[in-house]
């Protein structure tokens, strides 16, 4: 295993801390405007720090989280941008399993927010298909629950 420099350790620690902080903020249904801003800035900052220390896996997971933040805030354009980056990184680096399925989930969710229902349905289909390749049963369950939350919003 590679030994990390102090600078690399700092980037990793900040990236993880911010990533987890974003989840805490997303889970709060009563966020203030300031907390919404904090959630956006924390997600981007986490992705920045992963960019300094991480691998394509962390890059795409950071992009996925940013897309989810913008979906939560009903901001279609940045949600779509970061969902596309998530999928692009997965395809470019041949990242599959859970991550590819969630890249399709991000595209479906962001398309729904953008009002692009046919695109949403297309990406839902791809996500459901990709779910069959997820090795861990718990990961598959999480994905299927998230897909159902999108499916239930399609009119």
N, C-alpha and C. Protein backbone atom coordinates (compact mmCIF):
# COMPACT_ATOMS: atom_id res chain seq x y z
N UNK A 1 0.83 -1.18 0.00
CA UNK A 1 0.00 0.00 0.00
C UNK A 1 0.88 1.24 0.00
N UNK A 2 0.46 2.22 -0.76
CA UNK A 2 1.20 3.45 -0.92
C UNK A 2 1.09 4.30 0.35
N UNK A 3 2.20 4.90 0.73
CA UNK A 3 2.23 5.79 1.88
C UNK A 3 1.85 7.19 1.43
N UNK A 4 0.92 7.79 2.14
CA UNK A 4 0.44 9.12 1.78
C UNK A 4 1.27 10.19 2.48
N UNK A 5 1.48 11.30 1.77
CA UNK A 5 2.14 12.45 2.39
C UNK A 5 1.14 13.11 3.34
N UNK A 6 1.63 14.00 4.16
CA UNK A 6 0.73 14.73 5.07
C UNK A 6 -0.30 15.54 4.29
N UNK A 7 0.11 16.12 3.19
CA UNK A 7 -0.80 16.90 2.35
C UNK A 7 -1.90 15.99 1.77
N UNK A 8 -1.52 14.81 1.31
CA UNK A 8 -2.50 13.87 0.76
C UNK A 8 -3.46 13.39 1.85
N UNK A 9 -2.94 13.14 3.03
CA UNK A 9 -3.79 12.73 4.15
C UNK A 9 -4.81 13.82 4.47
N UNK A 10 -4.36 15.07 4.43
CA UNK A 10 -5.25 16.19 4.70
C UNK A 10 -6.38 16.26 3.66
N UNK A 11 -6.02 16.12 2.38
CA UNK A 11 -7.05 16.15 1.33
C UNK A 11 -8.06 15.03 1.52
N UNK A 12 -7.58 13.84 1.81
CA UNK A 12 -8.47 12.70 2.00
C UNK A 12 -9.41 12.93 3.19
N UNK A 13 -8.85 13.41 4.30
CA UNK A 13 -9.65 13.64 5.50
C UNK A 13 -10.73 14.69 5.24
N UNK A 14 -10.38 15.76 4.58
CA UNK A 14 -11.36 16.82 4.30
C UNK A 14 -12.42 16.31 3.33
N UNK A 15 -12.00 15.58 2.30
CA UNK A 15 -12.95 15.05 1.31
C UNK A 15 -13.99 14.17 1.98
N UNK A 16 -13.54 13.26 2.82
CA UNK A 16 -14.46 12.34 3.51
C UNK A 16 -15.38 13.11 4.46
N UNK A 17 -14.81 14.01 5.23
CA UNK A 17 -15.60 14.78 6.20
C UNK A 17 -16.69 15.59 5.50
N UNK A 18 -16.33 16.25 4.42
CA UNK A 18 -17.32 17.05 3.69
C UNK A 18 -18.38 16.17 3.02
N UNK A 19 -17.96 15.05 2.45
CA UNK A 19 -18.91 14.11 1.81
C UNK A 19 -19.96 13.68 2.83
N UNK A 20 -19.53 13.30 4.00
CA UNK A 20 -20.46 12.87 5.05
C UNK A 20 -21.33 14.03 5.54
N UNK A 21 -20.75 15.21 5.62
CA UNK A 21 -21.50 16.40 6.05
C UNK A 21 -22.64 16.71 5.07
N UNK A 22 -22.37 16.54 3.78
CA UNK A 22 -23.41 16.77 2.77
C UNK A 22 -24.59 15.85 3.02
N UNK A 23 -24.32 14.59 3.35
CA UNK A 23 -25.43 13.65 3.63
C UNK A 23 -26.24 14.11 4.83
N UNK A 24 -25.58 14.60 5.85
CA UNK A 24 -26.30 15.10 7.02
C UNK A 24 -27.23 16.25 6.63
N UNK A 25 -26.73 17.15 5.80
CA UNK A 25 -27.55 18.27 5.35
C UNK A 25 -28.70 17.79 4.47
N UNK A 26 -28.42 16.87 3.55
CA UNK A 26 -29.49 16.36 2.66
C UNK A 26 -30.58 15.67 3.45
N UNK A 27 -30.21 15.01 4.52
CA UNK A 27 -31.19 14.27 5.33
C UNK A 27 -32.06 15.19 6.18
N UNK A 28 -31.72 16.46 6.25
CA UNK A 28 -32.50 17.42 7.04
C UNK A 28 -33.57 18.05 6.15
N UNK A 29 -34.84 17.70 6.35
CA UNK A 29 -35.89 18.27 5.49
C UNK A 29 -36.20 19.73 5.79
N UNK A 30 -35.67 20.25 6.88
CA UNK A 30 -35.96 21.63 7.28
C UNK A 30 -34.73 22.52 7.16
N UNK A 31 -33.95 22.31 6.08
CA UNK A 31 -32.75 23.12 5.88
C UNK A 31 -33.12 24.59 5.63
N UNK A 32 -32.29 25.46 6.12
CA UNK A 32 -32.43 26.89 5.83
C UNK A 32 -31.76 27.17 4.48
N UNK A 33 -31.96 28.37 3.98
CA UNK A 33 -31.30 28.80 2.75
C UNK A 33 -29.78 28.72 2.92
N UNK A 34 -29.30 29.12 4.07
CA UNK A 34 -27.87 29.07 4.35
C UNK A 34 -27.36 27.63 4.35
N UNK A 35 -28.15 26.72 4.89
CA UNK A 35 -27.75 25.30 4.89
C UNK A 35 -27.78 24.72 3.48
N UNK A 36 -28.72 25.18 2.65
CA UNK A 36 -28.71 24.75 1.25
C UNK A 36 -27.42 25.18 0.58
N UNK A 37 -27.03 26.44 0.81
CA UNK A 37 -25.77 26.93 0.25
C UNK A 37 -24.59 26.13 0.79
N UNK A 38 -24.60 25.85 2.07
CA UNK A 38 -23.53 25.07 2.69
C UNK A 38 -23.45 23.67 2.07
N UNK A 39 -24.61 23.09 1.78
CA UNK A 39 -24.66 21.76 1.17
C UNK A 39 -24.01 21.79 -0.22
N UNK A 40 -24.34 22.80 -1.01
CA UNK A 40 -23.75 22.94 -2.35
C UNK A 40 -22.24 23.11 -2.23
N UNK A 41 -21.81 24.04 -1.41
CA UNK A 41 -20.38 24.32 -1.29
C UNK A 41 -19.62 23.13 -0.73
N UNK A 42 -20.21 22.43 0.21
CA UNK A 42 -19.54 21.26 0.80
C UNK A 42 -19.39 20.13 -0.22
N UNK A 43 -20.41 19.91 -1.03
CA UNK A 43 -20.33 18.86 -2.05
C UNK A 43 -19.23 19.18 -3.07
N UNK A 44 -19.19 20.43 -3.52
CA UNK A 44 -18.15 20.82 -4.47
C UNK A 44 -16.76 20.76 -3.83
N UNK A 45 -16.66 21.18 -2.59
CA UNK A 45 -15.36 21.15 -1.90
C UNK A 45 -14.88 19.71 -1.70
N UNK A 46 -15.80 18.82 -1.35
CA UNK A 46 -15.43 17.42 -1.21
C UNK A 46 -14.88 16.87 -2.53
N UNK A 47 -15.58 17.16 -3.62
CA UNK A 47 -15.13 16.70 -4.94
C UNK A 47 -13.77 17.30 -5.30
N UNK A 48 -13.55 18.55 -4.96
CA UNK A 48 -12.25 19.17 -5.20
C UNK A 48 -11.14 18.41 -4.48
N UNK A 49 -11.36 18.12 -3.21
CA UNK A 49 -10.32 17.42 -2.44
C UNK A 49 -10.11 16.01 -2.95
N UNK A 50 -11.18 15.33 -3.39
CA UNK A 50 -11.00 14.01 -4.01
C UNK A 50 -10.18 14.15 -5.29
N UNK A 51 -10.38 15.25 -6.00
CA UNK A 51 -9.60 15.49 -7.21
C UNK A 51 -8.11 15.60 -6.95
N UNK A 52 -7.76 15.98 -5.75
CA UNK A 52 -6.35 16.11 -5.36
C UNK A 52 -5.74 14.78 -4.92
N UNK A 53 -6.55 13.84 -4.44
CA UNK A 53 -6.02 12.62 -3.83
C UNK A 53 -6.65 11.33 -4.37
N UNK A 54 -7.83 11.44 -4.93
CA UNK A 54 -8.61 10.25 -5.25
C UNK A 54 -8.29 9.59 -6.58
N UNK A 55 -9.16 8.68 -6.92
CA UNK A 55 -9.11 7.93 -8.17
C UNK A 55 -10.40 8.24 -8.93
N UNK A 56 -10.52 7.77 -10.16
CA UNK A 56 -11.78 7.99 -10.89
C UNK A 56 -13.01 7.52 -10.11
N UNK A 57 -12.88 6.50 -9.29
CA UNK A 57 -14.01 6.04 -8.48
C UNK A 57 -14.50 7.15 -7.55
N UNK A 58 -13.58 7.79 -6.85
CA UNK A 58 -13.99 8.89 -5.97
C UNK A 58 -14.46 10.10 -6.76
N UNK A 59 -13.86 10.32 -7.93
CA UNK A 59 -14.30 11.45 -8.76
C UNK A 59 -15.76 11.28 -9.15
N UNK A 60 -16.10 10.08 -9.63
CA UNK A 60 -17.49 9.87 -10.08
C UNK A 60 -18.45 9.88 -8.90
N UNK A 61 -18.04 9.37 -7.76
CA UNK A 61 -18.93 9.42 -6.60
C UNK A 61 -19.14 10.85 -6.12
N UNK A 62 -18.11 11.66 -6.22
CA UNK A 62 -18.25 13.08 -5.88
C UNK A 62 -19.19 13.78 -6.85
N UNK A 63 -19.05 13.49 -8.14
CA UNK A 63 -19.95 14.08 -9.14
C UNK A 63 -21.38 13.62 -8.89
N UNK A 64 -21.54 12.34 -8.54
CA UNK A 64 -22.88 11.82 -8.25
C UNK A 64 -23.50 12.59 -7.09
N UNK A 65 -22.72 12.80 -6.02
CA UNK A 65 -23.28 13.50 -4.86
C UNK A 65 -23.66 14.94 -5.22
N UNK A 66 -22.83 15.60 -6.01
CA UNK A 66 -23.17 16.96 -6.42
C UNK A 66 -24.48 16.96 -7.21
N UNK A 67 -24.62 16.02 -8.12
CA UNK A 67 -25.87 15.93 -8.89
C UNK A 67 -27.06 15.72 -7.96
N UNK A 68 -26.91 14.85 -6.97
CA UNK A 68 -28.00 14.59 -6.03
C UNK A 68 -28.35 15.85 -5.24
N UNK A 69 -27.36 16.60 -4.82
CA UNK A 69 -27.61 17.85 -4.10
C UNK A 69 -28.48 18.77 -4.96
N UNK A 70 -28.10 18.93 -6.21
CA UNK A 70 -28.87 19.81 -7.08
C UNK A 70 -30.27 19.27 -7.36
N UNK A 71 -30.41 17.96 -7.40
CA UNK A 71 -31.75 17.38 -7.54
C UNK A 71 -32.61 17.69 -6.32
N UNK A 72 -32.03 17.54 -5.14
CA UNK A 72 -32.74 17.85 -3.90
C UNK A 72 -33.22 19.30 -3.92
N UNK A 73 -32.40 20.17 -4.50
CA UNK A 73 -32.72 21.60 -4.56
C UNK A 73 -33.53 21.97 -5.80
N UNK A 74 -33.88 20.94 -6.62
CA UNK A 74 -34.69 21.15 -7.84
C UNK A 74 -34.01 22.10 -8.83
N UNK A 75 -32.70 21.95 -8.98
CA UNK A 75 -31.92 22.77 -9.91
C UNK A 75 -31.44 21.86 -11.04
N UNK A 76 -32.21 21.84 -12.11
CA UNK A 76 -32.03 20.86 -13.18
C UNK A 76 -30.70 20.98 -13.92
N UNK A 77 -30.34 22.17 -14.34
CA UNK A 77 -29.15 22.28 -15.20
C UNK A 77 -27.88 21.76 -14.51
N UNK A 78 -27.57 22.21 -13.30
CA UNK A 78 -26.36 21.65 -12.68
C UNK A 78 -26.52 20.17 -12.30
N UNK A 79 -27.74 19.74 -11.98
CA UNK A 79 -27.97 18.32 -11.68
C UNK A 79 -27.64 17.47 -12.90
N UNK A 80 -28.11 17.90 -14.07
CA UNK A 80 -27.83 17.16 -15.31
C UNK A 80 -26.34 17.18 -15.64
N UNK A 81 -25.72 18.32 -15.50
CA UNK A 81 -24.29 18.43 -15.80
C UNK A 81 -23.49 17.41 -14.98
N UNK A 82 -23.72 17.38 -13.68
CA UNK A 82 -22.93 16.49 -12.82
C UNK A 82 -23.35 15.03 -12.97
N UNK A 83 -24.59 14.78 -13.30
CA UNK A 83 -25.01 13.40 -13.59
C UNK A 83 -24.30 12.90 -14.85
N UNK A 84 -24.21 13.76 -15.86
CA UNK A 84 -23.50 13.38 -17.09
C UNK A 84 -22.03 13.11 -16.81
N UNK A 85 -21.43 13.93 -15.95
CA UNK A 85 -20.02 13.70 -15.59
C UNK A 85 -19.87 12.36 -14.87
N UNK A 86 -20.81 12.05 -14.00
CA UNK A 86 -20.77 10.77 -13.29
C UNK A 86 -20.76 9.61 -14.29
N UNK A 87 -21.70 9.64 -15.22
CA UNK A 87 -21.80 8.57 -16.21
C UNK A 87 -20.57 8.54 -17.10
N UNK A 88 -20.12 9.70 -17.53
CA UNK A 88 -18.94 9.77 -18.39
C UNK A 88 -17.72 9.13 -17.72
N UNK A 89 -17.50 9.43 -16.46
CA UNK A 89 -16.35 8.87 -15.73
C UNK A 89 -16.50 7.35 -15.61
N UNK A 90 -17.71 6.89 -15.28
CA UNK A 90 -17.93 5.44 -15.18
C UNK A 90 -17.60 4.74 -16.50
N UNK A 91 -18.09 5.30 -17.59
CA UNK A 91 -17.86 4.66 -18.90
C UNK A 91 -16.40 4.76 -19.32
N UNK A 92 -15.80 5.91 -19.12
CA UNK A 92 -14.41 6.10 -19.53
C UNK A 92 -13.46 5.18 -18.78
N UNK A 93 -13.70 4.98 -17.49
CA UNK A 93 -12.79 4.17 -16.67
C UNK A 93 -13.33 2.77 -16.41
N UNK A 94 -14.40 2.41 -17.12
CA UNK A 94 -15.01 1.08 -17.00
C UNK A 94 -15.34 0.73 -15.56
N UNK A 95 -15.96 1.69 -14.88
CA UNK A 95 -16.43 1.48 -13.51
C UNK A 95 -17.85 0.94 -13.61
N UNK A 96 -18.06 -0.23 -13.06
CA UNK A 96 -19.37 -0.87 -13.19
C UNK A 96 -20.04 -1.06 -11.85
N UNK A 97 -20.75 -2.17 -11.74
CA UNK A 97 -21.41 -2.58 -10.51
C UNK A 97 -22.31 -1.47 -9.99
N UNK A 98 -22.26 -1.24 -8.71
CA UNK A 98 -23.06 -0.26 -7.98
C UNK A 98 -22.92 1.14 -8.59
N UNK A 99 -21.70 1.51 -8.93
CA UNK A 99 -21.44 2.88 -9.39
C UNK A 99 -22.05 3.17 -10.75
N UNK A 100 -21.97 2.24 -11.68
CA UNK A 100 -22.59 2.45 -12.98
C UNK A 100 -24.11 2.52 -12.84
N UNK A 101 -24.67 1.64 -12.05
CA UNK A 101 -26.12 1.66 -11.83
C UNK A 101 -26.55 3.00 -11.24
N UNK A 102 -25.77 3.53 -10.31
CA UNK A 102 -26.11 4.82 -9.72
C UNK A 102 -25.82 5.99 -10.66
N UNK A 103 -24.93 5.82 -11.62
CA UNK A 103 -24.74 6.85 -12.64
C UNK A 103 -26.02 6.96 -13.48
N UNK A 104 -26.60 5.82 -13.82
CA UNK A 104 -27.87 5.83 -14.54
C UNK A 104 -28.99 6.40 -13.67
N UNK A 105 -28.96 6.08 -12.39
CA UNK A 105 -29.95 6.64 -11.45
C UNK A 105 -29.84 8.16 -11.42
N UNK A 106 -28.60 8.67 -11.39
CA UNK A 106 -28.39 10.12 -11.37
C UNK A 106 -28.95 10.76 -12.63
N UNK A 107 -28.73 10.12 -13.77
CA UNK A 107 -29.26 10.65 -15.02
C UNK A 107 -30.78 10.63 -15.02
N UNK A 108 -31.37 9.57 -14.49
CA UNK A 108 -32.83 9.47 -14.42
C UNK A 108 -33.39 10.56 -13.51
N UNK A 109 -32.80 10.71 -12.35
CA UNK A 109 -33.29 11.70 -11.37
C UNK A 109 -33.15 13.12 -11.91
N UNK A 110 -32.00 13.43 -12.48
CA UNK A 110 -31.78 14.78 -13.02
C UNK A 110 -32.70 15.04 -14.21
N UNK A 111 -32.92 14.03 -15.04
CA UNK A 111 -33.85 14.19 -16.17
C UNK A 111 -35.26 14.45 -15.68
N UNK A 112 -35.66 13.78 -14.62
CA UNK A 112 -36.97 14.02 -14.03
C UNK A 112 -37.09 15.47 -13.56
N UNK A 113 -36.07 15.95 -12.86
CA UNK A 113 -36.07 17.32 -12.36
C UNK A 113 -36.17 18.31 -13.53
N UNK A 114 -35.53 17.95 -14.65
CA UNK A 114 -35.54 18.82 -15.83
C UNK A 114 -36.83 18.69 -16.64
N UNK A 115 -37.70 17.78 -16.23
CA UNK A 115 -38.95 17.58 -16.96
C UNK A 115 -38.78 16.76 -18.23
N UNK A 116 -37.67 16.09 -18.36
CA UNK A 116 -37.39 15.25 -19.53
C UNK A 116 -37.81 13.82 -19.21
N UNK A 117 -39.11 13.57 -19.28
CA UNK A 117 -39.69 12.31 -18.80
C UNK A 117 -39.22 11.11 -19.62
N UNK A 118 -39.14 11.25 -20.94
CA UNK A 118 -38.69 10.11 -21.76
C UNK A 118 -37.24 9.75 -21.46
N UNK A 119 -36.40 10.77 -21.29
CA UNK A 119 -35.01 10.52 -20.90
C UNK A 119 -34.97 9.85 -19.53
N UNK A 120 -35.78 10.32 -18.63
CA UNK A 120 -35.86 9.74 -17.29
C UNK A 120 -36.19 8.25 -17.38
N UNK A 121 -37.21 7.93 -18.16
CA UNK A 121 -37.62 6.52 -18.32
C UNK A 121 -36.50 5.69 -18.94
N UNK A 122 -35.81 6.25 -19.93
CA UNK A 122 -34.70 5.56 -20.57
C UNK A 122 -33.61 5.21 -19.56
N UNK A 123 -33.24 6.20 -18.75
CA UNK A 123 -32.18 5.96 -17.77
C UNK A 123 -32.65 5.06 -16.62
N UNK A 124 -33.92 5.13 -16.30
CA UNK A 124 -34.46 4.18 -15.31
C UNK A 124 -34.30 2.75 -15.82
N UNK A 125 -34.63 2.54 -17.08
CA UNK A 125 -34.48 1.19 -17.67
C UNK A 125 -33.03 0.73 -17.60
N UNK A 126 -32.11 1.63 -17.95
CA UNK A 126 -30.69 1.28 -17.89
C UNK A 126 -30.26 0.97 -16.46
N UNK A 127 -30.77 1.74 -15.50
CA UNK A 127 -30.42 1.51 -14.10
C UNK A 127 -30.96 0.18 -13.60
N UNK A 128 -32.21 -0.12 -13.97
CA UNK A 128 -32.78 -1.42 -13.56
C UNK A 128 -31.98 -2.57 -14.16
N UNK A 129 -31.59 -2.43 -15.42
CA UNK A 129 -30.77 -3.48 -16.06
C UNK A 129 -29.43 -3.60 -15.35
N UNK A 130 -28.80 -2.47 -15.06
CA UNK A 130 -27.49 -2.49 -14.38
C UNK A 130 -27.60 -3.04 -12.97
N UNK A 131 -28.77 -2.92 -12.36
CA UNK A 131 -28.94 -3.42 -10.98
C UNK A 131 -28.71 -4.93 -10.91
N UNK A 132 -28.95 -5.62 -12.01
CA UNK A 132 -28.76 -7.07 -12.03
C UNK A 132 -27.29 -7.47 -11.88
N UNK A 133 -26.38 -6.54 -12.13
CA UNK A 133 -24.95 -6.82 -12.04
C UNK A 133 -24.34 -6.41 -10.71
N UNK A 134 -25.15 -5.87 -9.81
CA UNK A 134 -24.62 -5.43 -8.51
C UNK A 134 -24.36 -6.67 -7.65
N UNK A 135 -23.14 -6.78 -7.16
CA UNK A 135 -22.74 -7.97 -6.41
C UNK A 135 -23.33 -8.02 -5.00
N UNK A 136 -23.34 -6.88 -4.32
CA UNK A 136 -23.80 -6.84 -2.93
C UNK A 136 -25.32 -6.63 -2.88
N UNK A 137 -26.01 -7.53 -2.19
CA UNK A 137 -27.46 -7.46 -2.09
C UNK A 137 -27.94 -6.16 -1.45
N UNK A 138 -27.24 -5.68 -0.41
CA UNK A 138 -27.62 -4.42 0.24
C UNK A 138 -27.49 -3.24 -0.71
N UNK A 139 -26.42 -3.24 -1.52
CA UNK A 139 -26.24 -2.16 -2.50
C UNK A 139 -27.37 -2.18 -3.53
N UNK A 140 -27.73 -3.38 -3.96
CA UNK A 140 -28.82 -3.51 -4.93
C UNK A 140 -30.13 -3.00 -4.34
N UNK A 141 -30.38 -3.32 -3.09
CA UNK A 141 -31.60 -2.87 -2.42
C UNK A 141 -31.66 -1.35 -2.34
N UNK A 142 -30.54 -0.71 -2.00
CA UNK A 142 -30.49 0.75 -1.93
C UNK A 142 -30.81 1.35 -3.29
N UNK A 143 -30.20 0.81 -4.32
CA UNK A 143 -30.45 1.33 -5.66
C UNK A 143 -31.92 1.18 -6.03
N UNK A 144 -32.48 0.00 -5.82
CA UNK A 144 -33.88 -0.24 -6.21
C UNK A 144 -34.83 0.69 -5.46
N UNK A 145 -34.54 0.97 -4.21
CA UNK A 145 -35.36 1.93 -3.45
C UNK A 145 -35.27 3.32 -4.05
N UNK A 146 -34.05 3.73 -4.42
CA UNK A 146 -33.89 5.03 -5.05
C UNK A 146 -34.59 5.10 -6.40
N UNK A 147 -34.52 4.02 -7.16
CA UNK A 147 -35.20 4.00 -8.45
C UNK A 147 -36.71 4.08 -8.27
N UNK A 148 -37.22 3.42 -7.26
CA UNK A 148 -38.66 3.48 -6.98
C UNK A 148 -39.07 4.91 -6.61
N UNK A 149 -38.21 5.62 -5.89
CA UNK A 149 -38.54 7.00 -5.53
C UNK A 149 -38.63 7.90 -6.77
N UNK A 150 -37.89 7.56 -7.81
CA UNK A 150 -38.00 8.30 -9.07
C UNK A 150 -39.25 7.85 -9.83
N UNK A 151 -39.40 6.54 -9.94
CA UNK A 151 -40.54 5.95 -10.67
C UNK A 151 -41.85 6.48 -10.14
N UNK A 152 -41.97 6.64 -8.84
CA UNK A 152 -43.23 7.08 -8.22
C UNK A 152 -43.56 8.53 -8.56
N UNK A 153 -42.60 9.28 -9.06
CA UNK A 153 -42.84 10.69 -9.40
C UNK A 153 -43.20 10.90 -10.87
N UNK A 154 -43.05 9.86 -11.68
CA UNK A 154 -43.36 10.00 -13.10
C UNK A 154 -44.87 9.98 -13.28
N UNK A 155 -45.36 10.96 -13.97
CA UNK A 155 -46.81 11.12 -14.16
C UNK A 155 -47.27 10.27 -15.33
